């Protein structure tokens, strides 16, 4: 995806080539032939460790500091914590997840205290004097698309000071901003050509060790190649002294006095390294051009990050504009927005639904699981899952449905990760397909002798219960499903299948009253203020599981009213958090209702994924949906082959609506 900034810079590149004038500004992109190496897919064990690390990062409450800069994560820091960032620290620690977490937090502390980041202390104005002679230059890309970062010690123009090290850090940050999609490492090119005015331009041992510490500790897995030329014997001795401090994997990336044209295309290799790129350093032209280009790239990524939900764990390729959908495992805030819907008919009912609940679809081969685990570890495409067929002697009406859209729900992950294999019936033990909500078209029907509700070609909205899924292994994340007709209702005329997917489980929407949870620090107080005195609710249906709302429900729910919830929201999918939620659910059911025994004074019932019954489905959901009183808020639509990425978004808990998987047209 080309941005305006990229196109403009490309035009500058073309003009420089045609006129043969020396290039004064950075190049905007690699050559067409430069290709990053394909990234290896994570193993199941690596994915599990990444999922663990992501959950830990999302739970961080504060970044520590001994210099008065402690505090909660800022947006800049969340923006920095991409999926690839977490993976780099895991690789650097040989996949020791606790060590990776420790080092990540240490780097966040260092970045704060060192002044790294947007609008921080290391500004272009502060660093500018260090680069007036062009002792560091960012120009061109190597054959694998790495940004070329040239170090020219012979152009040293300042005396040793902390700003010299800050200069390197500043330039590294600019290199990272210019990295193309699918590339996360850089090419470091060092020319030790002697200065005519200064006899010793090599850094001191202390400064060199500080630089190595920063690179290895706070920029792990960033060095792709280090190409070094004109190495004098003094520098050879210097490198021998610091070799014990260099990581073995880093040492393998060092290339001394080789023909650099084998690593960098000649047209993008500076002439000082035996290339053909006529580049001339003019600080007045280069410095503003470099910072302008980096600012444009950074802001474009930042805008995509915000548009994608400002989530921790975002894909760097998404931020770079290379893919249309984000994934991450993402966390943006401590609260999840949801709608409150009021139906004022014969009775008043409050619905609370997460706006960011997500929905996803799969491919022709259904993703299924046998053993428990999170989606990336448990799911795999199967060729052995039986083709659905209708029963020959049914006791009730059954329908064969070609699924159009499936909607993912947090319950999918609970089903895969929490419910043990022994609790599932034999068909579901062999291979179970997840996903409750769907829309589709009836392909065939059968019934027990009487005329059924459906005929071929009917469009339907469906909702599978957890009991049916555990017994049969059937889930909506497949092209065709055979189900009892009681789990489906007709799609109202004039309504689209996409707009109805995900409707039955979470009834996400707005009727007469909508309250945006994110606008109020204490939503329970806002409810009491608006509805407590004059119009208390007869019932609260909470499809998110907000325990705080239940604890305060006596302020806005009638004494004989019922608080019906989809469970109690778990802070993560880790077993200990889910078990804690289960304990709270148990307490809600057995604790005395009477307030003087410390109860809430209101009855709590679990609605969750049990069978809602056909009458309720048709009356409450379809009737209101047909009249426009209910709507499904869609966050994103995904293709079937990207279901794992969609589950990553679901597990983040911060999508801005339903996540849909398109399975068939």
Foldseek 3Di string as FASTA:
>chain_A
DDDPLLVVLQVLVVVCVVVVDADAAARQFADPQAAADDDDDDDLVLVQLLQVLLLVVLPDAWQDEPPPPIGGDDLFNLLVQAQVLLVLLCVLVVNPSVSSSVLSSVLVRVCQVVQDTPPTDLDLVLLLVQCQQPQWDWHYAWSNQATEIEGELQSGDDDDDVSVLSNVVVVVVLSQLSGAPPAQAHEYEYEDPHHPVDHDRDDDPVVVLVNQCCCSRNVGPHHQAYEYEPQDPVNVVVCVVCVVVHDPVVVVRYHYHDQCCVIGPLCGDDVVSVGDRRHDHHSVRHSVNSVVSSVVSVVQLVVQCVLLQSFRHWDPCSSNVNDVHIFALTAHDPDFKAKWAWDPDVFIETETFGQFFAFAAAEQQFWWFQFADACVSGTDGDPPQDDADEDPADAFKKFKWFWFKFFDGPVQNCLRHPDGLVQAADQLNVIAGAGFWTKTFTCQMDGNPDDDPDDGGFIKTFGDFPVVRRHHSDHSRHRMHMDGCFRIDGQDPPDDRVWCTPCQQGLGFYAPDIDTPVVDPQVLVVLLVPAQPPHAGQEYEYAAADVSNQLSNNSRYDLAHEYEYLFHHFSASDPVSVVVSVVVRVCLQPPDLDVVSVHSSHHYHYPHRHDPTNVCCCPVGNVCVNVVRTTFNHQEEAENHCRVSSSSSSRSSRGSTYHMYGYDD
